[in-house]
Every structure is written in C-alpha cells, then in structure tokens.
C-alpha cells in the first residue's frame, strides 16, 4: 500500500510590520563608570556607545516582547488571531519553561498560534526571521510574529570591566507574511564551536544548585577573539547573502549588522566596500548591544529617521555566541 503526502504550493514572504520596545531607563557612560574602572572617553572610543537602556524590574522579558509584538501587529494591520506562529529569540531568559513565546502569545491574545523559542544569541533574530520566512513561503503558516527580546543586564555582571559597558536591554519584533514578490532573501548561516569559549557563561545553574555558596553564572567574553572572528567570518558571509539574493552592494539601501560595536561595524563596511549611498545602522551608539533585539531596533531607527524607506533592500546579519551567524537581504517593512 502506498500513499502520497500533500504539499502546499510555495509562495513568497516579506516583513509586513515592525515594532520595538526600549526600556525607560537611559544609562550614560558616566553611570557605568561608577561601577567599573574606566572612563567615558575609553568606553566611547572602544565601542562607540554613548548611552544604553536598562530594564526596570517591571520591564520583564514577556512585557517587553509583548509590547514590541503588539506594535508590529499594529504596523502590519493585523489582529492577534491572525498570527499562526510566534517565535521569540532570546539568550537571556532565566525561566527554563514554559517557552517565552508561549507566554508572549497568550499576553497578545494569539492563543491559537504555535509558539516556540529560539536560542542563537546575537544571531537569533536573523535565524528566527529565516524560519518565519520559510514557514510562510512553504504554506506552513499565514503570518508569523518574530521577536528578539533581551534583558542582558540579568546575565552580565555589572562590575565586569570587559563587557558591562557593552550590553543592554530591549525588544524588537516583525510580522512576516505572504507577498506577491520576494521580500526575504535566502539565509546564510554558519557556526564555529572551536570559539565557544570566546563568549560563554562562566558556569551553569546546576553548580549553584549543588553548592549555593558559589557565585551565580554570568556571561564572559574574550573581546579580541570575538572581534577577529567576526571581521574574518562575517564579511564573507555578508557577501554570500547578497549573492544569494542577487543584490549588488550598490543596490542596497541599508546595511543592518548586529549592533555589537561601532568599531566592528566600521571595519565591516570598509572591507565590504559599501558605497556611501548605503545607510549603515549605528543604533549601538544609543542602545548598546541588545543581542537578539539589536537588528529590529536598528531597523526601526533607520525608518523613523527617514534615511531608509519601506520596500528598499537591506542586508541584515547577526553574529555572536557559539560563535555563530545568520543573515539575509530583506525588503524593509
């Protein structure tokens, strides 16, 4: 006895709406220097960061993620009941279960949608966007809500001179839906576990359970190793993403890399040979490094400033702990 499985006809997908949440508290470099042995000038020269946002106790991951998701739905002109799947990318959720996406979907009123989390650190948003695009293109979902949400202040030791000035909190979301024309290009992905120790947690929660006298786990980073890896690996990956989408550098309206460090972004732009006509996202200067939330936050700032417009092509690429990366060319919402 034989059987044939039914399949749906493939279609195109694109980003239909965008939403963000920036925590109320703005933290300056001077305030950071109260807790670490550094100077405002050193921080700005080293990273390009001038301010960042820290979440207050009431600005939890579900609260920030749901706020960004609601704004994205409104921008797309959709109701929560029209969402078939919610994907949340986060590396800072301290709750093992239930999935953050399930809590967010319920908060939004999308109670009949599928919901799951994706953990890929600073590459999480682009990884989740690729999954969402494939779900819509394959007919597996009509509309997918993708959210990057982080409370990095929960996993970074505030006195760690190496990274305390870098990381911050926030959330960004997009709605992915069907399109008559391609709006999300093929994703490029990669990972190199030989660099796993370059950006890692210094212990696991099990060790604290077994010995409560031990310090809680915090994230640690070898900044030089991450910088060298990112510059060496992300530039070729960005070229592959453009080639896969059939887009030349001069055809891009914007370059939106993960907002890790302004110096890193400037090196990438130089090595990619991007023309001056390409707008480069520099939201890191006022938002810090928000991991999986950084790319949608940076997209929103470009659009709100009017330097990039809806329907124009942008190269997105995220990279981080693993070390891993993911990116694609998209049409701006």
C-alpha atoms as a PDB file:
ATOM      1  CA  UNK A   1       0.000   0.000   0.000  1.00  0.00           C
ATOM      2  CA  UNK A   2       1.422   3.396  -0.937  1.00  0.00           C
ATOM      3  CA  UNK A   3       0.433   6.918  -0.076  1.00  0.00           C
ATOM      4  CA  UNK A   4       1.346  10.404  -1.240  1.00  0.00           C
ATOM      5  CA  UNK A   5       1.744  13.289   1.141  1.00  0.00           C
ATOM      6  CA  UNK A   6       0.022  16.514   0.213  1.00  0.00           C
ATOM      7  CA  UNK A   7       2.206  19.597  -0.045  1.00  0.00           C
ATOM      8  CA  UNK A   8       1.343  23.249  -0.394  1.00  0.00           C
ATOM      9  CA  UNK A   9       2.465  25.416  -3.269  1.00  0.00           C
ATOM     10  CA  UNK A  10       5.407  27.622  -2.372  1.00  0.00           C
ATOM     11  CA  UNK A  11       4.916  31.369  -2.298  1.00  0.00           C
ATOM     12  CA  UNK A  12       6.924  34.439  -1.326  1.00  0.00           C
ATOM     13  CA  UNK A  13       7.240  36.105   2.075  1.00  0.00           C
ATOM     14  CA  UNK A  14       8.175  39.531   3.384  1.00  0.00           C
ATOM     15  CA  UNK A  15       8.216  41.664   6.515  1.00  0.00           C
ATOM     16  CA  UNK A  16       4.820  43.364   6.891  1.00  0.00           C
ATOM     17  CA  UNK A  17       5.220  45.183  10.196  1.00  0.00           C
ATOM     18  CA  UNK A  18       7.843  46.279  12.718  1.00  0.00           C
ATOM     19  CA  UNK A  19       7.648  47.109  16.416  1.00  0.00           C
ATOM     20  CA  UNK A  20      10.111  47.891  19.210  1.00  0.00           C
ATOM     21  CA  UNK A  21      10.364  48.398  22.939  1.00  0.00           C
ATOM     22  CA  UNK A  22      13.146  50.443  24.534  1.00  0.00           C
ATOM     23  CA  UNK A  23      13.245  50.386  28.357  1.00  0.00           C
ATOM     24  CA  UNK A  24      12.531  53.667  30.137  1.00  0.00           C
ATOM     25  CA  UNK A  25      15.880  53.994  31.915  1.00  0.00           C
ATOM     26  CA  UNK A  26      18.659  55.552  29.829  1.00  0.00           C
ATOM     27  CA  UNK A  27      22.115  54.846  31.258  1.00  0.00           C
ATOM     28  CA  UNK A  28      25.112  57.018  30.388  1.00  0.00           C
ATOM     29  CA  UNK A  29      28.771  56.057  30.266  1.00  0.00           C
ATOM     30  CA  UNK A  30      29.337  58.174  33.368  1.00  0.00           C
ATOM     31  CA  UNK A  31      26.899  55.954  35.274  1.00  0.00           C
ATOM     32  CA  UNK A  32      28.614  52.807  34.002  1.00  0.00           C
ATOM     33  CA  UNK A  33      31.963  54.169  35.197  1.00  0.00           C
ATOM     34  CA  UNK A  34      30.604  54.340  38.731  1.00  0.00           C
ATOM     35  CA  UNK A  35      30.769  50.536  38.790  1.00  0.00           C
ATOM     36  CA  UNK A  36      33.812  49.739  36.640  1.00  0.00           C
ATOM     37  CA  UNK A  37      37.363  51.082  36.429  1.00  0.00           C
ATOM     38  CA  UNK A  38      37.018  53.000  33.167  1.00  0.00           C
ATOM     39  CA  UNK A  39      36.331  56.415  31.649  1.00  0.00           C
ATOM     40  CA  UNK A  40      33.568  57.787  29.454  1.00  0.00           C
ATOM     41  CA  UNK A  41      36.087  58.515  26.715  1.00  0.00           C
ATOM     42  CA  UNK A  42      37.518  54.984  26.807  1.00  0.00           C
ATOM     43  CA  UNK A  43      34.082  53.398  26.509  1.00  0.00           C
ATOM     44  CA  UNK A  44      33.016  55.603  23.601  1.00  0.00           C
ATOM     45  CA  UNK A  45      36.338  55.188  21.781  1.00  0.00           C
ATOM     46  CA  UNK A  46      36.346  51.435  22.303  1.00  0.00           C
ATOM     47  CA  UNK A  47      32.718  50.718  21.408  1.00  0.00           C
ATOM     48  CA  UNK A  48      31.029  53.828  20.035  1.00  0.00           C
ATOM     49  CA  UNK A  49      28.407  53.526  22.787  1.00  0.00           C
ATOM     50  CA  UNK A  50      27.270  56.724  24.496  1.00  0.00           C
ATOM     51  CA  UNK A  51      24.053  55.543  26.171  1.00  0.00           C
ATOM     52  CA  UNK A  52      22.062  52.345  26.563  1.00  0.00           C
ATOM     53  CA  UNK A  53      18.714  51.257  28.046  1.00  0.00           C
ATOM     54  CA  UNK A  54      18.407  49.132  31.199  1.00  0.00           C
ATOM     55  CA  UNK A  55      15.116  47.431  32.042  1.00  0.00           C
ATOM     56  CA  UNK A  56      13.430  48.124  35.379  1.00  0.00           C
ATOM     57  CA  UNK A  57      12.027  45.225  37.436  1.00  0.00           C
ATOM     58  CA  UNK A  58       8.568  45.663  35.892  1.00  0.00           C
ATOM     59  CA  UNK A  59      10.011  45.611  32.350  1.00  0.00           C
ATOM     60  CA  UNK A  60      10.308  41.836  32.192  1.00  0.00           C
ATOM     61  CA  UNK A  61      11.125  39.850  29.081  1.00  0.00           C
ATOM     62  CA  UNK A  62       7.444  38.939  28.480  1.00  0.00           C
ATOM     63  CA  UNK A  63       6.386  42.572  28.978  1.00  0.00           C
ATOM     64  CA  UNK A  64       8.983  43.973  26.566  1.00  0.00           C
ATOM     65  CA  UNK A  65       8.478  41.219  23.989  1.00  0.00           C
ATOM     66  CA  UNK A  66       4.684  41.590  24.046  1.00  0.00           C
ATOM     67  CA  UNK A  67       4.922  45.385  23.709  1.00  0.00           C
ATOM     68  CA  UNK A  68       7.180  45.095  20.661  1.00  0.00           C
ATOM     69  CA  UNK A  69       4.957  42.374  19.210  1.00  0.00           C
ATOM     70  CA  UNK A  70       1.786  44.432  19.663  1.00  0.00           C
ATOM     71  CA  UNK A  71       3.387  47.372  17.872  1.00  0.00           C
ATOM     72  CA  UNK A  72       4.487  45.122  14.998  1.00  0.00           C
ATOM     73  CA  UNK A  73       0.947  43.740  14.669  1.00  0.00           C
ATOM     74  CA  UNK A  74      -0.498  47.252  14.595  1.00  0.00           C
ATOM     75  CA  UNK A  75       2.034  48.313  11.965  1.00  0.00           C
ATOM     76  CA  UNK A  76       1.064  45.293   9.833  1.00  0.00           C
ATOM     77  CA  UNK A  77      -2.652  45.977  10.334  1.00  0.00           C
ATOM     78  CA  UNK A  78      -3.280  42.533  11.809  1.00  0.00           C
ATOM     79  CA  UNK A  79      -5.141  41.183  14.814  1.00  0.00           C
ATOM     80  CA  UNK A  80      -3.506  38.673  17.195  1.00  0.00           C
ATOM     81  CA  UNK A  81      -5.881  35.970  15.991  1.00  0.00           C
ATOM     82  CA  UNK A  82      -4.376  36.205  12.519  1.00  0.00           C
ATOM     83  CA  UNK A  83      -0.951  35.078  13.780  1.00  0.00           C
ATOM     84  CA  UNK A  84      -0.249  31.391  13.178  1.00  0.00           C
ATOM     85  CA  UNK A  85       3.095  31.206  14.943  1.00  0.00           C
ATOM     86  CA  UNK A  86       5.123  33.243  17.454  1.00  0.00           C
ATOM     87  CA  UNK A  87       8.899  32.806  17.573  1.00  0.00           C
ATOM     88  CA  UNK A  88      10.951  34.526  20.264  1.00  0.00           C
ATOM     89  CA  UNK A  89      14.738  34.712  20.019  1.00  0.00           C
ATOM     90  CA  UNK A  90      16.463  35.311  23.349  1.00  0.00           C
ATOM     91  CA  UNK A  91      19.613  34.284  25.195  1.00  0.00           C
ATOM     92  CA  UNK A  92      18.772  35.955  28.499  1.00  0.00           C
ATOM     93  CA  UNK A  93      15.565  34.228  29.608  1.00  0.00           C
ATOM     94  CA  UNK A  94      16.190  32.823  33.088  1.00  0.00           C
ATOM     95  CA  UNK A  95      12.972  30.791  33.022  1.00  0.00           C
ATOM     96  CA  UNK A  96      13.561  27.317  31.624  1.00  0.00           C
ATOM     97  CA  UNK A  97       9.914  26.584  30.891  1.00  0.00           C
ATOM     98  CA  UNK A  98       7.347  27.462  29.640  1.00  0.00           C
ATOM     99  CA  UNK A  99       8.767  28.950  26.496  1.00  0.00           C
ATOM    100  CA  UNK A 100       8.842  32.738  26.464  1.00  0.00           C
ATOM    101  CA  UNK A 101       6.972  32.668  23.130  1.00  0.00           C
ATOM    102  CA  UNK A 102       4.045  30.840  24.730  1.00  0.00           C
ATOM    103  CA  UNK A 103       3.731  33.474  27.449  1.00  0.00           C
ATOM    104  CA  UNK A 104       4.008  36.296  24.904  1.00  0.00           C
ATOM    105  CA  UNK A 105       1.449  34.738  22.541  1.00  0.00           C
ATOM    106  CA  UNK A 106      -1.019  34.484  25.419  1.00  0.00           C
ATOM    107  CA  UNK A 107      -0.360  38.071  26.504  1.00  0.00           C
ATOM    108  CA  UNK A 108      -1.036  39.283  22.958  1.00  0.00           C
ATOM    109  CA  UNK A 109      -4.199  37.220  22.581  1.00  0.00           C
ATOM    110  CA  UNK A 110      -2.725  34.922  19.923  1.00  0.00           C
ATOM    111  CA  UNK A 111      -3.902  31.897  21.856  1.00  0.00           C
ATOM    112  CA  UNK A 112      -4.380  29.576  18.885  1.00  0.00           C
ATOM    113  CA  UNK A 113      -0.923  30.120  17.404  1.00  0.00           C
ATOM    114  CA  UNK A 114       2.070  27.852  17.614  1.00  0.00           C
ATOM    115  CA  UNK A 115       4.794  29.315  19.828  1.00  0.00           C
ATOM    116  CA  UNK A 116       8.418  28.430  20.480  1.00  0.00           C
ATOM    117  CA  UNK A 117      11.746  29.967  21.489  1.00  0.00           C
ATOM    118  CA  UNK A 118      14.975  30.024  19.528  1.00  0.00           C
ATOM    119  CA  UNK A 119      18.366  30.334  21.221  1.00  0.00           C
ATOM    120  CA  UNK A 120      21.108  31.580  18.928  1.00  0.00           C
ATOM    121  CA  UNK A 121      22.419  34.560  20.918  1.00  0.00           C
ATOM    122  CA  UNK A 122      23.036  37.679  18.828  1.00  0.00           C
ATOM    123  CA  UNK A 123      22.265  35.781  15.603  1.00  0.00           C
ATOM    124  CA  UNK A 124      18.861  34.799  16.989  1.00  0.00           C
ATOM    125  CA  UNK A 125      16.733  37.379  15.215  1.00  0.00           C
ATOM    126  CA  UNK A 126      18.079  36.549  11.741  1.00  0.00           C
ATOM    127  CA  UNK A 127      17.791  32.821  12.460  1.00  0.00           C
ATOM    128  CA  UNK A 128      14.174  33.249  13.561  1.00  0.00           C
ATOM    129  CA  UNK A 129      13.412  35.502  10.591  1.00  0.00           C
ATOM    130  CA  UNK A 130      14.700  32.792   8.239  1.00  0.00           C
ATOM    131  CA  UNK A 131      12.483  30.186   9.924  1.00  0.00           C
ATOM    132  CA  UNK A 132       9.474  32.501   9.696  1.00  0.00           C
ATOM    133  CA  UNK A 133      10.113  33.255   6.026  1.00  0.00           C
ATOM    134  CA  UNK A 134      10.323  29.542   5.255  1.00  0.00           C
ATOM    135  CA  UNK A 135       7.116  28.813   7.197  1.00  0.00           C
ATOM    136  CA  UNK A 136       5.191  31.388   5.188  1.00  0.00           C
ATOM    137  CA  UNK A 137       6.784  30.507   1.849  1.00  0.00           C
ATOM    138  CA  UNK A 138       6.029  26.804   2.299  1.00  0.00           C
ATOM    139  CA  UNK A 139       2.428  27.444   3.287  1.00  0.00           C
ATOM    140  CA  UNK A 140       3.044  26.165   6.802  1.00  0.00           C
ATOM    141  CA  UNK A 141       1.841  29.456   8.246  1.00  0.00           C
ATOM    142  CA  UNK A 142      -0.005  32.516   7.023  1.00  0.00           C
ATOM    143  CA  UNK A 143       1.571  35.075   9.361  1.00  0.00           C
ATOM    144  CA  UNK A 144       4.449  34.658  11.810  1.00  0.00           C
ATOM    145  CA  UNK A 145       5.444  37.043  14.593  1.00  0.00           C
ATOM    146  CA  UNK A 146       9.208  37.115  15.191  1.00  0.00           C
ATOM    147  CA  UNK A 147      10.514  38.783  18.341  1.00  0.00           C
ATOM    148  CA  UNK A 148      14.034  39.380  19.599  1.00  0.00           C
ATOM    149  CA  UNK A 149      13.925  40.210  23.317  1.00  0.00           C
ATOM    150  CA  UNK A 150      16.746  40.531  25.822  1.00  0.00           C
ATOM    151  CA  UNK A 151      17.467  41.554  29.394  1.00  0.00           C
ATOM    152  CA  UNK A 152      21.225  41.282  29.087  1.00  0.00           C
ATOM    153  CA  UNK A 153      21.582  43.030  32.433  1.00  0.00           C
ATOM    154  CA  UNK A 154      20.328  39.789  34.009  1.00  0.00           C
ATOM    155  CA  UNK A 155      23.299  37.779  32.723  1.00  0.00           C
ATOM    156  CA  UNK A 156      26.123  40.354  32.677  1.00  0.00           C
ATOM    157  CA  UNK A 157      27.983  41.101  35.901  1.00  0.00           C
ATOM    158  CA  UNK A 158      27.717  44.900  36.370  1.00  0.00           C
ATOM    159  CA  UNK A 159      31.319  45.149  37.614  1.00  0.00           C
ATOM    160  CA  UNK A 160      32.852  43.227  34.692  1.00  0.00           C
ATOM    161  CA  UNK A 161      35.079  45.863  33.092  1.00  0.00           C
ATOM    162  CA  UNK A 162      35.317  43.902  29.839  1.00  0.00           C
ATOM    163  CA  UNK A 163      31.620  43.828  28.924  1.00  0.00           C
ATOM    164  CA  UNK A 164      29.467  45.696  31.453  1.00  0.00           C
ATOM    165  CA  UNK A 165      29.542  48.800  29.253  1.00  0.00           C
ATOM    166  CA  UNK A 166      28.509  46.894  26.116  1.00  0.00           C
ATOM    167  CA  UNK A 167      25.281  45.072  26.827  1.00  0.00           C
ATOM    168  CA  UNK A 168      21.784  46.435  27.345  1.00  0.00           C
ATOM    169  CA  UNK A 169      18.081  45.561  27.234  1.00  0.00           C
ATOM    170  CA  UNK A 170      15.230  45.882  24.758  1.00  0.00           C
ATOM    171  CA  UNK A 171      12.960  44.105  22.298  1.00  0.00           C
ATOM    172  CA  UNK A 172      12.152  44.276  18.605  1.00  0.00           C
ATOM    173  CA  UNK A 173       9.576  42.413  16.529  1.00  0.00           C
ATOM    174  CA  UNK A 174       8.470  41.887  12.954  1.00  0.00           C
ATOM    175  CA  UNK A 175       5.440  40.273  11.335  1.00  0.00           C
ATOM    176  CA  UNK A 176       6.248  38.027   8.381  1.00  0.00           C
ATOM    177  CA  UNK A 177       3.501  37.284   5.886  1.00  0.00           C
ATOM    178  CA  UNK A 178       2.806  36.327   2.257  1.00  0.00           C
ATOM    179  CA  UNK A 179       3.934  38.516  -0.620  1.00  0.00           C
ATOM    180  CA  UNK A 180       3.494  38.613  -4.376  1.00  0.00           C
ATOM    181  CA  UNK A 181       7.214  39.343  -4.734  1.00  0.00           C
ATOM    182  CA  UNK A 182      10.244  38.020  -2.801  1.00  0.00           C
ATOM    183  CA  UNK A 183      10.791  40.088   0.336  1.00  0.00           C
ATOM    184  CA  UNK A 184      13.143  37.880   2.370  1.00  0.00           C
ATOM    185  CA  UNK A 185      16.232  36.541   0.620  1.00  0.00           C
ATOM    186  CA  UNK A 186      17.872  33.156   1.231  1.00  0.00           C
ATOM    187  CA  UNK A 187      19.579  32.910   4.604  1.00  0.00           C
ATOM    188  CA  UNK A 188      23.279  32.246   5.030  1.00  0.00           C
ATOM    189  CA  UNK A 189      24.249  30.506   8.262  1.00  0.00           C
ATOM    190  CA  UNK A 190      27.291  29.118   9.981  1.00  0.00           C
ATOM    191  CA  UNK A 191      28.806  28.209  13.337  1.00  0.00           C
ATOM    192  CA  UNK A 192      32.290  27.564  14.702  1.00  0.00           C
ATOM    193  CA  UNK A 193      32.279  25.792  18.034  1.00  0.00           C
ATOM    194  CA  UNK A 194      36.055  25.995  18.311  1.00  0.00           C
ATOM    195  CA  UNK A 195      35.427  29.567  19.501  1.00  0.00           C
ATOM    196  CA  UNK A 196      32.764  28.534  22.014  1.00  0.00           C
ATOM    197  CA  UNK A 197      34.796  29.759  24.988  1.00  0.00           C
ATOM    198  CA  UNK A 198      35.198  33.234  23.499  1.00  0.00           C
ATOM    199  CA  UNK A 199      31.646  34.164  24.561  1.00  0.00           C
ATOM    200  CA  UNK A 200      30.134  31.937  27.203  1.00  0.00           C
ATOM    201  CA  UNK A 201      28.558  31.556  30.628  1.00  0.00           C
ATOM    202  CA  UNK A 202      31.289  31.046  33.241  1.00  0.00           C
ATOM    203  CA  UNK A 203      29.351  28.247  34.952  1.00  0.00           C
ATOM    204  CA  UNK A 204      25.951  26.565  34.866  1.00  0.00           C
ATOM    205  CA  UNK A 205      22.967  26.886  37.177  1.00  0.00           C
ATOM    206  CA  UNK A 206      23.443  23.297  38.303  1.00  0.00           C
ATOM    207  CA  UNK A 207      26.667  24.221  40.062  1.00  0.00           C
ATOM    208  CA  UNK A 208      24.825  26.833  42.154  1.00  0.00           C
ATOM    209  CA  UNK A 209      22.145  24.280  42.976  1.00  0.00           C
ATOM    210  CA  UNK A 210      24.784  21.844  44.191  1.00  0.00           C
ATOM    211  CA  UNK A 211      26.731  24.498  46.123  1.00  0.00           C
ATOM    212  CA  UNK A 212      24.702  27.623  46.983  1.00  0.00           C
ATOM    213  CA  UNK A 213      27.856  29.363  48.225  1.00  0.00           C
ATOM    214  CA  UNK A 214      29.149  29.631  44.646  1.00  0.00           C
ATOM    215  CA  UNK A 215      28.548  32.841  42.662  1.00  0.00           C
ATOM    216  CA  UNK A 216      25.693  32.789  40.157  1.00  0.00           C
ATOM    217  CA  UNK A 217      26.614  32.258  36.471  1.00  0.00           C
ATOM    218  CA  UNK A 218      27.474  35.311  34.375  1.00  0.00           C
ATOM    219  CA  UNK A 219      28.403  35.802  30.749  1.00  0.00           C
ATOM    220  CA  UNK A 220      32.093  36.301  29.924  1.00  0.00           C
ATOM    221  CA  UNK A 221      33.711  37.402  26.688  1.00  0.00           C
ATOM    222  CA  UNK A 222      37.139  37.402  25.106  1.00  0.00           C
ATOM    223  CA  UNK A 223      36.568  40.592  23.141  1.00  0.00           C
ATOM    224  CA  UNK A 224      39.657  40.349  20.954  1.00  0.00           C
ATOM    225  CA  UNK A 225      38.857  36.812  19.803  1.00  0.00           C
ATOM    226  CA  UNK A 226      35.249  37.718  19.037  1.00  0.00           C
ATOM    227  CA  UNK A 227      36.316  40.839  17.117  1.00  0.00           C
ATOM    228  CA  UNK A 228      38.844  38.927  14.975  1.00  0.00           C
ATOM    229  CA  UNK A 229      36.391  36.099  14.288  1.00  0.00           C
ATOM    230  CA  UNK A 230      33.541  38.428  13.405  1.00  0.00           C
ATOM    231  CA  UNK A 231      35.561  40.532  10.985  1.00  0.00           C
ATOM    232  CA  UNK A 232      37.049  37.432   9.352  1.00  0.00           C
ATOM    233  CA  UNK A 233      33.825  35.417   9.050  1.00  0.00           C
ATOM    234  CA  UNK A 234      31.000  37.925   8.763  1.00  0.00           C
ATOM    235  CA  UNK A 235      32.317  39.888   5.798  1.00  0.00           C
ATOM    236  CA  UNK A 236      32.411  36.781   3.525  1.00  0.00           C
ATOM    237  CA  UNK A 237      29.025  35.698   4.895  1.00  0.00           C
ATOM    238  CA  UNK A 238      27.557  39.103   4.070  1.00  0.00           C
ATOM    239  CA  UNK A 239      28.848  38.792   0.501  1.00  0.00           C
ATOM    240  CA  UNK A 240      27.236  35.352   0.223  1.00  0.00           C
ATOM    241  CA  UNK A 241      23.911  36.730   1.461  1.00  0.00           C
ATOM    242  CA  UNK A 242      23.965  39.436  -1.211  1.00  0.00           C
ATOM    243  CA  UNK A 243      24.918  36.910  -3.897  1.00  0.00           C
ATOM    244  CA  UNK A 244      22.153  34.529  -2.804  1.00  0.00           C
ATOM    245  CA  UNK A 245      19.609  37.344  -3.096  1.00  0.00           C
ATOM    246  CA  UNK A 246      21.037  38.559  -6.412  1.00  0.00           C
ATOM    247  CA  UNK A 247      21.711  42.017  -4.994  1.00  0.00           C
ATOM    248  CA  UNK A 248      24.865  44.056  -5.611  1.00  0.00           C
ATOM    249  CA  UNK A 249      26.325  46.276  -2.843  1.00  0.00           C
ATOM    250  CA  UNK A 250      25.397  49.444  -4.717  1.00  0.00           C
ATOM    251  CA  UNK A 251      21.757  48.281  -4.884  1.00  0.00           C
ATOM    252  CA  UNK A 252      21.410  48.135  -1.098  1.00  0.00           C
ATOM    253  CA  UNK A 253      19.627  50.918   0.721  1.00  0.00           C
ATOM    254  CA  UNK A 254      20.914  49.836   4.119  1.00  0.00           C
ATOM    255  CA  UNK A 255      23.354  47.608   5.975  1.00  0.00           C
ATOM    256  CA  UNK A 256      21.997  46.477   9.350  1.00  0.00           C
ATOM    257  CA  UNK A 257      24.545  44.317  11.141  1.00  0.00           C
ATOM    258  CA  UNK A 258      24.142  43.132  14.709  1.00  0.00           C
ATOM    259  CA  UNK A 259      24.821  46.187  16.849  1.00  0.00           C
ATOM    260  CA  UNK A 260      27.790  44.754  18.708  1.00  0.00           C
ATOM    261  CA  UNK A 261      30.356  47.506  18.478  1.00  0.00           C
ATOM    262  CA  UNK A 262      30.627  50.569  16.260  1.00  0.00           C
ATOM    263  CA  UNK A 263      34.308  49.925  15.532  1.00  0.00           C
ATOM    264  CA  UNK A 264      33.453  46.429  14.302  1.00  0.00           C
ATOM    265  CA  UNK A 265      30.702  47.792  12.057  1.00  0.00           C
ATOM    266  CA  UNK A 266      33.078  50.360  10.549  1.00  0.00           C
ATOM    267  CA  UNK A 267      35.660  47.679   9.719  1.00  0.00           C
ATOM    268  CA  UNK A 268      32.975  45.522   8.073  1.00  0.00           C
ATOM    269  CA  UNK A 269      31.691  48.419   5.973  1.00  0.00           C
ATOM    270  CA  UNK A 270      35.221  49.171   4.807  1.00  0.00           C
ATOM    271  CA  UNK A 271      36.017  45.557   3.910  1.00  0.00           C
ATOM    272  CA  UNK A 272      32.684  45.095   2.141  1.00  0.00           C
ATOM    273  CA  UNK A 273      33.407  48.205   0.095  1.00  0.00           C
ATOM    274  CA  UNK A 274      29.884  49.544   0.593  1.00  0.00           C
ATOM    275  CA  UNK A 275      29.267  52.814  -1.262  1.00  0.00           C
ATOM    276  CA  UNK A 276      28.295  55.980   0.612  1.00  0.00           C
ATOM    277  CA  UNK A 277      24.733  55.604  -0.688  1.00  0.00           C
ATOM    278  CA  UNK A 278      24.206  52.631   1.675  1.00  0.00           C
ATOM    279  CA  UNK A 279      22.863  53.741   5.057  1.00  0.00           C
ATOM    280  CA  UNK A 280      24.672  51.937   7.875  1.00  0.00           C
ATOM    281  CA  UNK A 281      22.809  51.215  11.111  1.00  0.00           C
ATOM    282  CA  UNK A 282      24.554  52.709  14.148  1.00  0.00           C
ATOM    283  CA  UNK A 283      21.852  52.297  16.784  1.00  0.00           C
ATOM    284  CA  UNK A 284      24.509  50.767  19.055  1.00  0.00           C
ATOM    285  CA  UNK A 285      25.626  54.295  19.970  1.00  0.00           C
ATOM    286  CA  UNK A 286      22.397  54.963  21.869  1.00  0.00           C
ATOM    287  CA  UNK A 287      21.062  51.462  22.569  1.00  0.00           C
ATOM    288  CA  UNK A 288      24.172  49.413  23.304  1.00  0.00           C
ATOM    289  CA  UNK A 289      24.409  45.746  22.389  1.00  0.00           C
ATOM    290  CA  UNK A 290      20.962  44.209  22.860  1.00  0.00           C
ATOM    291  CA  UNK A 291      21.844  40.809  21.358  1.00  0.00           C
ATOM    292  CA  UNK A 292      18.835  39.291  19.543  1.00  0.00           C
ATOM    293  CA  UNK A 293      16.907  42.576  19.793  1.00  0.00           C
ATOM    294  CA  UNK A 294      19.574  44.734  18.163  1.00  0.00           C
ATOM    295  CA  UNK A 295      18.718  44.301  14.476  1.00  0.00           C
ATOM    296  CA  UNK A 296      14.982  45.109  14.655  1.00  0.00           C
ATOM    297  CA  UNK A 297      15.773  48.053  16.968  1.00  0.00           C
ATOM    298  CA  UNK A 298      18.303  49.320  14.422  1.00  0.00           C
ATOM    299  CA  UNK A 299      15.857  48.818  11.537  1.00  0.00           C
ATOM    300  CA  UNK A 300      13.237  50.879  13.354  1.00  0.00           C
ATOM    301  CA  UNK A 301      15.665  53.752  13.938  1.00  0.00           C
ATOM    302  CA  UNK A 302      16.648  53.905  10.249  1.00  0.00           C
ATOM    303  CA  UNK A 303      12.985  54.002   9.223  1.00  0.00           C
ATOM    304  CA  UNK A 304      11.992  56.547  11.861  1.00  0.00           C
ATOM    305  CA  UNK A 305      14.854  58.838  10.849  1.00  0.00           C
ATOM    306  CA  UNK A 306      13.739  58.652   7.228  1.00  0.00           C
ATOM    307  CA  UNK A 307      17.148  57.600   5.941  1.00  0.00           C
ATOM    308  CA  UNK A 308      15.683  54.312   4.628  1.00  0.00           C
ATOM    309  CA  UNK A 309      12.165  53.722   3.324  1.00  0.00           C
ATOM    310  CA  UNK A 310       9.676  50.878   3.124  1.00  0.00           C
ATOM    311  CA  UNK A 311      10.317  48.488   0.242  1.00  0.00           C
ATOM    312  CA  UNK A 312      14.035  49.238  -0.021  1.00  0.00           C
ATOM    313  CA  UNK A 313      16.580  46.392   0.242  1.00  0.00           C
ATOM    314  CA  UNK A 314      18.631  45.983   3.413  1.00  0.00           C
ATOM    315  CA  UNK A 315      21.338  43.492   4.301  1.00  0.00           C
ATOM    316  CA  UNK A 316      20.850  42.045   7.801  1.00  0.00           C
ATOM    317  CA  UNK A 317      23.441  39.915   9.540  1.00  0.00           C
ATOM    318  CA  UNK A 318      23.617  38.751  13.141  1.00  0.00           C
ATOM    319  CA  UNK A 319      26.531  37.076  14.894  1.00  0.00           C
ATOM    320  CA  UNK A 320      27.516  36.091  18.387  1.00  0.00           C
ATOM    321  CA  UNK A 321      27.989  33.336  20.958  1.00  0.00           C
ATOM    322  CA  UNK A 322      28.677  29.936  19.528  1.00  0.00           C
ATOM    323  CA  UNK A 323      30.278  31.506  17.655  1.00  0.00           C
ATOM    324  CA  UNK A 324      27.553  31.546  15.029  1.00  0.00           C
ATOM    325  CA  UNK A 325      25.977  33.816  12.441  1.00  0.00           C
ATOM    326  CA  UNK A 326      22.943  34.192  10.179  1.00  0.00           C
ATOM    327  CA  UNK A 327      21.908  36.839   7.681  1.00  0.00           C
ATOM    328  CA  UNK A 328      19.781  37.692   4.672  1.00  0.00           C
ATOM    329  CA  UNK A 329      18.741  40.542   2.398  1.00  0.00           C
ATOM    330  CA  UNK A 330      15.208  41.791   3.071  1.00  0.00           C
ATOM    331  CA  UNK A 331      12.880  44.460   1.814  1.00  0.00           C
ATOM    332  CA  UNK A 332      12.296  46.969   4.607  1.00  0.00           C
ATOM    333  CA  UNK A 333       8.757  46.922   6.062  1.00  0.00           C
END
